[in-house]
Amino acid sequence: MGDNPTKYCLYARKSSESDERQIMSIDSQIKEMKTIAERDNILIKEIRYESHSAKASGQRPVFQKLIADIVGGEFNGIMTWNPDRLSRNAGDLGRIVDLMDQGKLHEIKTFSQSFCNQPNDKFLLMILCSQAKLENDNKAVNVKRGMRAKCEMGWRPGVAPLGYMNRTFAGVRDIIIDPDRAPIIKEAFDKVAYMYHSGRMAKEWMDNAGFTTRQGKKITTSMIYLMLKNPFYCGYFEYPKGKLYQGKHEPIITKEVFDDTLKEISVPRKIKWGAKGFAFKNMFKCYSCGSSVIGEEKLRLLKNGGHRRHVYYHCTRFKDRKCKEPYLDEKELIKFIIDFIEKTDEKNIHIPEKLKGAMMEYQRLVKDTIFLNSDKFIDDIEVGIKDYAKYILKEGTNNAKRELVEQLSIPKLLHDKKLIF
């Protein structure tokens, strides 16, 4: 090699993945290979290193640059701790051997051996790198098999959802109930399933109850809906998605409560025209022709690309195709209903049985909020039926609004964008 010495690049790599915990650190790899270079009088032109997995082909930027520089003639030799530092996949291994076939890569020198552009050396290099790939593939298969076995035993892999805690006791891992969060979650399910609480109402209640994530933050509305759809709370779990297992963890709620909750929050994906869940559909009649009044949804495009939903009620014109009664915005309709409630004696306002539990909770929350911001005693605070009825009409679910209005002796005719007698 005297007149044309091999120009080596020392390449070191350490993956951050758990399957490489026993591999030497990058600094240790460099130190050991520099010692060998001094011993064998080898010139290291440059040292390059990276922390990246070699499982997938073409994903390591430093290695990609090294290959490009070998093609360009900047290097014709590689020093590395072990062949698996260069490749654990067939794609990168093929590129290395191809460079040796082209005569652009003269030698690969590792801690224990060297590989030159000779058939036996290249064959051995391919066997060692293929063995590293086989180990990776087997680990992936074994991990999946282990996860599947754990699921079949009734234990969901990964971090338990809010309301539960992962525990390791005497070397055994299991999942136990979080005594602080679980009671609040249980009550939230009950409120949605049986008290007509919407996701937003459940969030407000959980915020007032002091419920937080493990990081101490308030739960978001989207997290509420994910929680309400998670079968883990009734003793089952999906892993991966679509594969249902029965868990060994203690359920927070019953399967019946979970199913009833899903019924309240689920929205059919494909809905026929006129079948959407409008709160006041077919509850009113057109004053002019006597046809039923139905709801219609309109989506208005916003400047930010989003949409704003509007609901309008109008005559079906079933009895008179030429009926000219105008459309009425749902918000305006609710204002008329609230105005009617304001003028009605509380004795004539009947709260449906299913809403009474939610009404008691609403009264308690309002009293607590007023009490914290005033000097009044709770017993002196009045929260009437009218206040709760107005709250349902503004914040409640469609079912809650409908059941409330059905109990009222409210005028059922719409004329000129108004409710009339």
Protein backbone atom coordinates (compact mmCIF):
# COMPACT_ATOMS: atom_id res chain seq x y z
CA MET A 1 0.00 0.00 0.00
CA GLY A 2 3.09 2.19 0.11
CA ASP A 3 2.53 4.49 -2.86
CA ASN A 4 -1.24 4.44 -2.69
CA PRO A 5 -2.25 4.08 1.00
CA THR A 6 -5.84 3.27 1.87
CA LYS A 7 -7.74 6.36 2.99
CA TYR A 8 -9.85 5.28 5.97
CA CYS A 9 -12.91 6.84 7.50
CA LEU A 10 -13.61 5.69 11.05
CA TYR A 11 -17.36 5.19 11.36
CA ALA A 12 -19.01 4.69 14.77
CA ARG A 13 -22.71 4.21 15.42
CA LYS A 14 -24.90 3.67 18.47
CA SER A 15 -28.62 3.08 18.25
CA SER A 16 -30.81 4.60 20.95
CA GLU A 17 -33.07 1.54 20.89
CA SER A 18 -33.28 -0.77 23.89
CA ASP A 19 -32.01 -3.78 21.92
CA GLU A 20 -28.53 -2.19 21.76
CA ARG A 21 -27.95 -1.46 25.43
CA GLN A 22 -24.95 -3.81 25.49
CA ILE A 23 -23.22 -2.13 22.51
CA MET A 24 -20.20 0.03 23.36
CA SER A 25 -20.71 3.77 23.41
CA ILE A 26 -19.57 5.86 20.43
CA ASP A 27 -16.62 7.25 22.40
CA SER A 28 -15.52 3.74 23.36
CA GLN A 29 -15.78 2.52 19.76
CA ILE A 30 -13.66 5.42 18.52
CA LYS A 31 -11.07 4.96 21.28
CA GLU A 32 -10.65 1.22 20.60
CA MET A 33 -10.38 1.64 16.83
CA LYS A 34 -7.86 4.50 17.15
CA THR A 35 -5.73 2.21 19.29
CA ILE A 36 -5.80 -0.45 16.55
CA ALA A 37 -4.99 2.20 13.93
CA GLU A 38 -1.88 3.28 15.88
CA ARG A 39 -0.84 -0.35 16.35
CA ASP A 40 -1.18 -1.21 12.65
CA ASN A 41 0.10 2.15 11.39
CA ILE A 42 -3.23 2.96 9.68
CA LEU A 43 -4.04 6.51 8.59
CA ILE A 44 -7.52 7.63 9.64
CA LYS A 45 -8.42 10.53 7.38
CA GLU A 46 -11.68 11.40 9.16
CA ILE A 47 -13.90 10.23 12.03
CA ARG A 48 -17.66 10.18 11.61
CA TYR A 49 -20.37 9.00 13.98
CA GLU A 50 -24.13 9.08 14.52
CA SER A 51 -26.84 7.83 16.86
CA HIS A 52 -29.30 6.09 14.57
CA SER A 53 -30.85 2.68 14.02
CA ALA A 54 -29.55 0.64 11.06
CA LYS A 55 -32.68 -1.51 10.72
CA ALA A 56 -34.05 0.40 7.72
CA SER A 57 -32.18 1.09 4.50
CA GLY A 58 -31.19 4.64 3.53
CA GLN A 59 -32.22 6.27 6.83
CA ARG A 60 -28.83 7.25 8.30
CA PRO A 61 -27.61 10.66 7.05
CA VAL A 62 -23.96 10.25 8.16
CA PHE A 63 -23.71 6.77 6.63
CA GLN A 64 -25.34 8.03 3.42
CA LYS A 65 -22.71 10.79 3.21
CA LEU A 66 -19.95 8.24 3.81
CA ILE A 67 -21.20 6.10 0.92
CA ALA A 68 -21.36 9.17 -1.34
CA ASP A 69 -17.79 10.15 -0.42
CA ILE A 70 -16.54 6.62 -1.17
CA VAL A 71 -18.20 6.83 -4.59
CA GLY A 72 -16.48 10.23 -5.07
CA GLY A 73 -13.07 8.80 -4.16
CA GLU A 74 -12.56 10.67 -0.87
CA PHE A 75 -12.27 7.37 1.05
CA ASN A 76 -11.56 3.82 -0.01
CA GLY A 77 -11.47 2.17 3.39
CA ILE A 78 -13.72 1.97 6.45
CA MET A 79 -12.81 1.31 10.06
CA THR A 80 -15.63 0.31 12.36
CA TRP A 81 -16.05 -1.63 15.60
CA ASN A 82 -18.18 -4.42 14.15
CA PRO A 83 -19.83 -5.21 10.76
CA ASP A 84 -23.28 -4.62 12.28
CA ARG A 85 -22.29 -0.98 12.87
CA LEU A 86 -22.41 -0.59 9.08
CA SER A 87 -25.54 -2.54 8.27
CA ARG A 88 -28.45 -4.44 9.77
CA ASN A 89 -30.46 -4.42 6.55
CA ALA A 90 -30.11 -5.89 3.08
CA GLY A 91 -30.20 -2.54 1.23
CA ASP A 92 -27.17 -0.92 2.89
CA LEU A 93 -25.26 -4.23 2.86
CA GLY A 94 -25.80 -4.53 -0.90
CA ARG A 95 -24.42 -1.01 -1.46
CA ILE A 96 -21.28 -1.79 0.55
CA VAL A 97 -20.56 -5.03 -1.30
CA ASP A 98 -21.32 -3.34 -4.63
CA LEU A 99 -18.70 -0.64 -3.86
CA MET A 100 -16.17 -3.40 -3.16
CA ASP A 101 -17.07 -5.08 -6.48
CA GLN A 102 -16.47 -1.75 -8.26
CA GLY A 103 -13.06 -1.41 -6.62
CA LYS A 104 -14.01 1.83 -4.87
CA LEU A 105 -13.94 0.27 -1.39
CA HIS A 106 -10.67 -1.60 -0.75
CA GLU A 107 -11.05 -2.70 2.83
CA ILE A 108 -13.34 -2.75 5.84
CA LYS A 109 -11.41 -3.16 9.08
CA THR A 110 -13.14 -4.10 12.33
CA PHE A 111 -11.88 -4.77 15.85
CA SER A 112 -11.26 -8.47 15.19
CA GLN A 113 -10.90 -8.91 11.43
CA SER A 114 -10.56 -7.31 7.99
CA PHE A 115 -12.64 -7.66 4.81
CA CYS A 116 -11.02 -7.02 1.45
CA ASN A 117 -12.25 -7.23 -2.12
CA GLN A 118 -11.93 -11.01 -2.11
CA PRO A 119 -14.77 -13.53 -2.62
CA ASN A 120 -14.31 -15.21 0.75
CA ASP A 121 -14.07 -11.90 2.62
CA LYS A 122 -17.18 -10.50 0.97
CA PHE A 123 -19.06 -13.74 1.59
CA LEU A 124 -18.14 -13.65 5.29
CA LEU A 125 -19.08 -9.95 5.52
CA MET A 126 -22.49 -10.69 4.02
CA ILE A 127 -23.03 -13.59 6.44
CA LEU A 128 -22.17 -11.45 9.50
CA CYS A 129 -24.39 -8.54 8.42
CA SER A 130 -27.19 -10.92 7.42
CA GLN A 131 -26.93 -12.50 10.86
CA ALA A 132 -27.38 -9.03 12.40
CA LYS A 133 -30.48 -8.55 10.21
CA LEU A 134 -31.79 -11.95 11.28
CA GLU A 135 -31.37 -11.00 14.94
CA ASN A 136 -33.33 -7.80 14.34
CA ASP A 137 -36.11 -9.64 12.52
CA ASN A 138 -36.31 -12.28 15.24
CA LYS A 139 -36.44 -9.62 17.94
CA ALA A 140 -39.38 -7.94 16.19
CA VAL A 141 -41.19 -11.28 15.91
CA ASN A 142 -40.44 -12.15 19.53
CA VAL A 143 -41.58 -8.75 20.77
CA LYS A 144 -44.89 -9.12 18.91
CA ARG A 145 -45.27 -12.66 20.21
CA GLY A 146 -44.57 -11.47 23.75
CA MET A 147 -47.10 -8.65 23.42
CA ARG A 148 -49.71 -11.06 22.08
CA ALA A 149 -49.06 -13.50 24.93
CA LYS A 150 -49.38 -10.67 27.47
CA CYS A 151 -52.71 -9.62 25.91
CA GLU A 152 -54.01 -13.19 25.99
CA MET A 153 -53.13 -13.27 29.70
CA GLY A 154 -55.36 -10.21 30.16
CA TRP A 155 -52.77 -7.46 30.57
CA ARG A 156 -52.63 -4.54 28.16
CA PRO A 157 -49.04 -3.54 27.16
CA GLY A 158 -47.93 0.04 27.66
CA VAL A 159 -48.98 2.82 29.99
CA ALA A 160 -52.40 2.35 31.58
CA PRO A 161 -55.06 5.01 30.78
CA LEU A 162 -56.05 7.70 33.26
CA GLY A 163 -57.86 6.17 36.20
CA TYR A 164 -55.36 3.32 36.44
CA MET A 165 -51.71 2.93 37.43
CA ASN A 166 -48.99 0.53 36.31
CA ARG A 167 -47.46 -1.28 39.26
CA THR A 168 -44.50 -3.61 39.78
CA PHE A 169 -44.72 -5.66 42.96
CA ALA A 170 -42.32 -8.50 43.85
CA GLY A 171 -41.16 -8.61 40.24
CA VAL A 172 -44.73 -8.91 38.90
CA ARG A 173 -46.23 -6.14 36.78
CA ASP A 174 -49.94 -5.42 36.84
CA ILE A 175 -52.46 -2.58 36.55
CA ILE A 176 -54.34 -1.20 39.54
CA ILE A 177 -57.06 1.43 40.00
CA ASP A 178 -56.00 5.01 40.71
CA PRO A 179 -57.94 5.79 43.93
CA ASP A 180 -57.98 9.54 43.21
CA ARG A 181 -59.05 9.60 39.56
CA ALA A 182 -61.18 6.45 39.20
CA PRO A 183 -64.22 7.68 41.23
CA ILE A 184 -64.39 10.88 39.15
CA ILE A 185 -64.17 8.92 35.89
CA LYS A 186 -66.92 6.55 37.06
CA GLU A 187 -69.23 9.45 37.84
CA ALA A 188 -68.43 11.11 34.49
CA PHE A 189 -69.56 7.94 32.68
CA ASP A 190 -72.80 7.91 34.72
CA LYS A 191 -73.51 11.54 33.90
CA VAL A 192 -73.06 11.03 30.16
CA ALA A 193 -74.94 7.71 30.09
CA TYR A 194 -77.91 8.63 32.29
CA MET A 195 -77.97 12.38 32.91
CA TYR A 196 -77.64 13.71 29.36
CA HIS A 197 -74.25 15.30 29.97
CA SER A 198 -72.41 16.17 26.78
CA GLY A 199 -68.63 15.86 26.51
CA ARG A 200 -68.26 19.56 27.25
CA MET A 201 -70.53 19.33 30.29
CA ALA A 202 -68.54 16.33 31.53
CA LYS A 203 -65.31 18.31 31.11
CA GLU A 204 -66.70 21.24 33.12
CA TRP A 205 -67.77 18.89 35.88
CA MET A 206 -64.38 17.08 35.95
CA ASP A 207 -62.53 20.42 36.02
CA ASN A 208 -64.62 21.51 39.01
CA ALA A 209 -63.93 18.15 40.67
CA GLY A 210 -60.19 18.83 40.38
CA PHE A 211 -59.47 16.10 37.82
CA THR A 212 -56.08 16.46 36.10
CA THR A 213 -53.76 14.40 33.91
CA ARG A 214 -50.61 12.82 35.34
CA GLN A 215 -48.79 16.01 34.34
CA GLY A 216 -51.18 18.08 36.44
CA LYS A 217 -53.02 19.62 33.47
CA LYS A 218 -56.77 19.85 32.95
CA ILE A 219 -58.23 17.22 30.65
CA THR A 220 -59.32 18.41 27.19
CA THR A 221 -62.71 17.77 25.58
CA SER A 222 -61.12 15.50 22.95
CA MET A 223 -59.52 13.45 25.74
CA ILE A 224 -62.94 13.15 27.39
CA TYR A 225 -64.42 11.59 24.25
CA LEU A 226 -61.47 9.21 23.85
CA MET A 227 -61.97 8.17 27.47
CA LEU A 228 -65.71 7.63 27.03
CA LYS A 229 -65.03 5.37 24.01
CA ASN A 230 -62.30 3.32 25.71
CA PRO A 231 -63.51 -0.20 26.67
CA PHE A 232 -60.63 -0.49 29.15
CA TYR A 233 -62.82 1.11 31.80
CA CYS A 234 -65.35 -1.74 31.63
CA GLY A 235 -62.74 -4.51 31.70
CA TYR A 236 -61.76 -4.91 28.03
CA PHE A 237 -59.00 -3.48 25.84
CA GLU A 238 -57.96 -3.26 22.19
CA TYR A 239 -54.38 -4.14 21.22
CA PRO A 240 -53.72 -3.46 18.48
CA LYS A 241 -56.76 -1.52 17.36
CA GLY A 242 -59.56 -3.83 16.30
CA LYS A 243 -58.45 -6.80 18.41
CA LEU A 244 -60.48 -6.97 21.64
CA TYR A 245 -59.25 -8.79 24.77
CA GLN A 246 -60.82 -9.25 28.18
CA GLY A 247 -58.54 -7.75 30.79
CA LYS A 248 -57.63 -8.94 34.26
CA HIS A 249 -57.65 -5.39 35.63
CA GLU A 250 -60.55 -4.29 37.83
CA PRO A 251 -63.26 -2.44 35.82
CA ILE A 252 -64.27 1.04 36.91
CA ILE A 253 -67.70 0.79 35.26
CA THR A 254 -69.98 -2.02 34.08
CA LYS A 255 -70.32 -3.10 30.45
CA GLU A 256 -73.92 -1.83 30.55
CA VAL A 257 -72.84 1.68 31.55
CA PHE A 258 -70.19 1.68 28.82
CA ASP A 259 -72.67 0.58 26.15
CA ASP A 260 -75.20 3.22 27.27
CA THR A 261 -72.46 5.86 27.14
CA LEU A 262 -71.55 4.90 23.57
CA LYS A 263 -75.19 5.24 22.55
CA GLU A 264 -75.28 8.79 23.90
CA ILE A 265 -72.08 10.02 22.23
CA SER A 266 -72.07 8.04 18.99
CA VAL A 267 -73.05 9.66 15.69
CA PRO A 268 -73.88 7.45 12.68
CA ARG A 269 -71.38 7.92 9.83
CA LYS A 270 -73.93 7.55 7.05
CA ILE A 271 -77.22 9.31 7.66
CA LYS A 272 -80.07 9.60 5.19
CA TRP A 273 -81.48 13.00 4.31
CA GLY A 274 -83.75 14.31 7.03
CA ALA A 275 -82.54 11.74 9.58
CA LYS A 276 -79.94 13.86 11.41
CA GLY A 277 -80.26 14.27 15.15
CA PHE A 278 -81.86 17.69 15.24
CA ALA A 279 -83.19 18.58 18.67
CA PHE A 280 -86.60 19.91 17.60
CA LYS A 281 -87.33 17.93 14.44
CA ASN A 282 -91.08 17.29 13.93
CA MET A 283 -91.92 18.99 17.23
CA PHE A 284 -93.51 22.04 15.59
CA LYS A 285 -96.06 22.68 12.86
CA CYS A 286 -96.17 25.30 10.16
CA TYR A 287 -98.83 27.94 10.97
CA SER A 288 -99.64 28.59 7.32
CA CYS A 289 -100.14 25.08 5.93
CA GLY A 290 -99.99 22.71 8.90
CA SER A 291 -97.02 20.71 7.57
CA SER A 292 -94.32 19.42 9.93
CA VAL A 293 -91.24 21.51 10.63
CA ILE A 294 -87.84 19.84 10.14
CA GLY A 295 -84.23 20.83 10.69
CA GLU A 296 -81.56 21.45 8.08
CA GLU A 297 -77.81 21.83 8.53
CA LYS A 298 -75.70 24.45 6.77
CA LEU A 299 -71.90 24.62 6.95
CA ARG A 300 -70.28 27.98 6.29
CA LEU A 301 -66.63 28.07 5.24
CA LEU A 302 -64.42 30.22 7.47
CA LYS A 303 -61.30 32.16 6.41
CA ASN A 304 -59.07 29.79 8.40
CA GLY A 305 -60.36 26.82 6.38
CA GLY A 306 -62.70 25.54 9.09
CA HIS A 307 -66.49 25.40 9.09
CA ARG A 308 -69.21 26.92 11.24
CA ARG A 309 -72.35 24.84 11.68
CA HIS A 310 -75.77 26.44 11.50
CA VAL A 311 -79.12 24.68 11.99
CA TYR A 312 -82.32 26.05 10.49
CA TYR A 313 -85.92 24.86 10.89
CA HIS A 314 -88.41 25.16 8.05
CA CYS A 315 -91.73 23.87 6.75
CA THR A 316 -91.58 20.60 4.80
CA ARG A 317 -94.24 22.05 2.40
CA PHE A 318 -95.80 18.59 2.39
CA LYS A 319 -99.33 20.02 2.43
CA ASP A 320 -98.60 23.12 0.38
CA ARG A 321 -95.73 23.15 -2.10
CA LYS A 322 -96.00 26.93 -2.37
CA CYS A 323 -95.86 27.64 1.38
CA LYS A 324 -93.73 30.73 1.94
CA GLU A 325 -92.97 30.44 5.66
CA PRO A 326 -89.31 31.52 6.12
CA TYR A 327 -86.51 29.53 7.74
CA LEU A 328 -85.82 30.00 11.47
CA ASP A 329 -82.33 29.73 12.97
CA GLU A 330 -82.14 27.22 15.84
CA LYS A 331 -80.52 29.83 18.11
CA GLU A 332 -83.49 32.14 17.55
CA LEU A 333 -85.90 29.28 18.19
CA ILE A 334 -84.18 28.56 21.50
CA LYS A 335 -84.49 32.24 22.45
CA PHE A 336 -88.27 32.03 21.90
CA ILE A 337 -88.47 28.90 24.05
CA ILE A 338 -86.42 30.55 26.81
CA ASP A 339 -88.64 33.63 26.63
CA PHE A 340 -91.67 31.36 27.03
CA ILE A 341 -90.04 29.70 30.06
CA GLU A 342 -89.33 33.09 31.62
CA LYS A 343 -93.05 33.95 31.43
CA THR A 344 -94.19 30.57 32.73
CA ASP A 345 -94.86 29.74 36.36
CA GLU A 346 -92.23 27.30 37.68
CA LYS A 347 -95.04 25.00 38.84
CA ASN A 348 -95.89 24.39 35.19
CA ILE A 349 -92.32 23.51 34.19
CA HIS A 350 -91.76 19.79 34.56
CA ILE A 351 -88.26 18.33 34.44
CA PRO A 352 -88.11 14.79 32.91
CA GLU A 353 -87.15 12.07 35.39
CA LYS A 354 -83.91 11.31 33.60
CA LEU A 355 -82.82 14.95 33.85
CA LYS A 356 -83.51 15.34 37.56
CA GLY A 357 -80.20 13.80 38.62
CA ALA A 358 -78.36 16.14 36.28
CA MET A 359 -80.37 19.06 37.63
CA MET A 360 -79.25 18.32 41.20
CA GLU A 361 -75.64 18.23 40.01
CA TYR A 362 -76.09 21.51 38.15
CA GLN A 363 -77.57 23.15 41.23
CA ARG A 364 -74.65 21.96 43.35
CA LEU A 365 -72.05 23.26 40.86
CA VAL A 366 -73.76 26.65 40.60
CA LYS A 367 -73.99 26.96 44.37
CA ASP A 368 -70.34 26.02 44.80
CA THR A 369 -69.27 28.56 42.17
CA ILE A 370 -71.35 31.38 43.69
CA PHE A 371 -70.24 30.49 47.21
CA LEU A 372 -66.55 30.65 46.28
CA ASN A 373 -67.01 34.15 44.87
CA SER A 374 -69.30 35.69 47.48
CA ASP A 375 -70.01 35.85 51.19
CA LYS A 376 -73.39 34.09 50.90
CA PHE A 377 -74.16 30.82 52.62
CA ILE A 378 -75.07 27.93 50.32
CA ASP A 379 -78.51 27.63 51.93
CA ASP A 380 -79.24 31.23 50.91
CA ILE A 381 -78.52 30.55 47.21
CA GLU A 382 -81.49 29.76 45.01
CA VAL A 383 -81.00 27.82 41.77
CA GLY A 384 -84.41 27.41 40.16
CA ILE A 385 -85.91 25.08 37.59
CA LYS A 386 -85.96 27.90 35.05
CA ASP A 387 -82.19 28.38 35.34
CA TYR A 388 -81.62 24.71 34.75
CA ALA A 389 -84.06 24.58 31.83
CA LYS A 390 -82.26 27.47 30.16
CA TYR A 391 -78.92 25.74 30.78
CA ILE A 392 -80.18 22.57 29.07
CA LEU A 393 -81.42 24.52 26.05
CA LYS A 394 -78.07 26.25 25.65
CA GLU A 395 -75.58 23.53 26.62
CA GLY A 396 -77.43 20.20 26.75
CA THR A 397 -77.52 17.36 24.26
CA ASN A 398 -80.20 17.15 21.57
CA ASN A 399 -81.99 14.42 23.53
CA ALA A 400 -82.02 16.52 26.68
CA LYS A 401 -83.38 19.57 24.83
CA ARG A 402 -86.07 17.48 23.17
CA GLU A 403 -87.25 15.78 26.36
CA LEU A 404 -87.39 19.12 28.16
CA VAL A 405 -89.45 20.85 25.47
CA GLU A 406 -91.81 17.86 25.25
CA GLN A 407 -92.72 18.51 28.92
CA LEU A 408 -93.58 22.16 28.30
CA SER A 409 -97.01 23.40 27.30
CA ILE A 410 -95.29 25.49 24.68
CA PRO A 411 -96.92 26.84 21.49
CA LYS A 412 -96.12 24.45 18.70
CA LEU A 413 -96.74 26.69 15.65
CA LEU A 414 -94.04 28.55 13.74
CA HIS A 415 -95.02 31.67 11.81
CA ASP A 416 -92.89 34.47 10.39
CA LYS A 417 -89.82 33.29 12.37
CA LYS A 418 -91.76 33.22 15.65
CA LEU A 419 -93.51 30.82 18.00
CA ILE A 420 -97.20 31.70 18.18
CA PHE A 421 -100.31 30.46 19.99
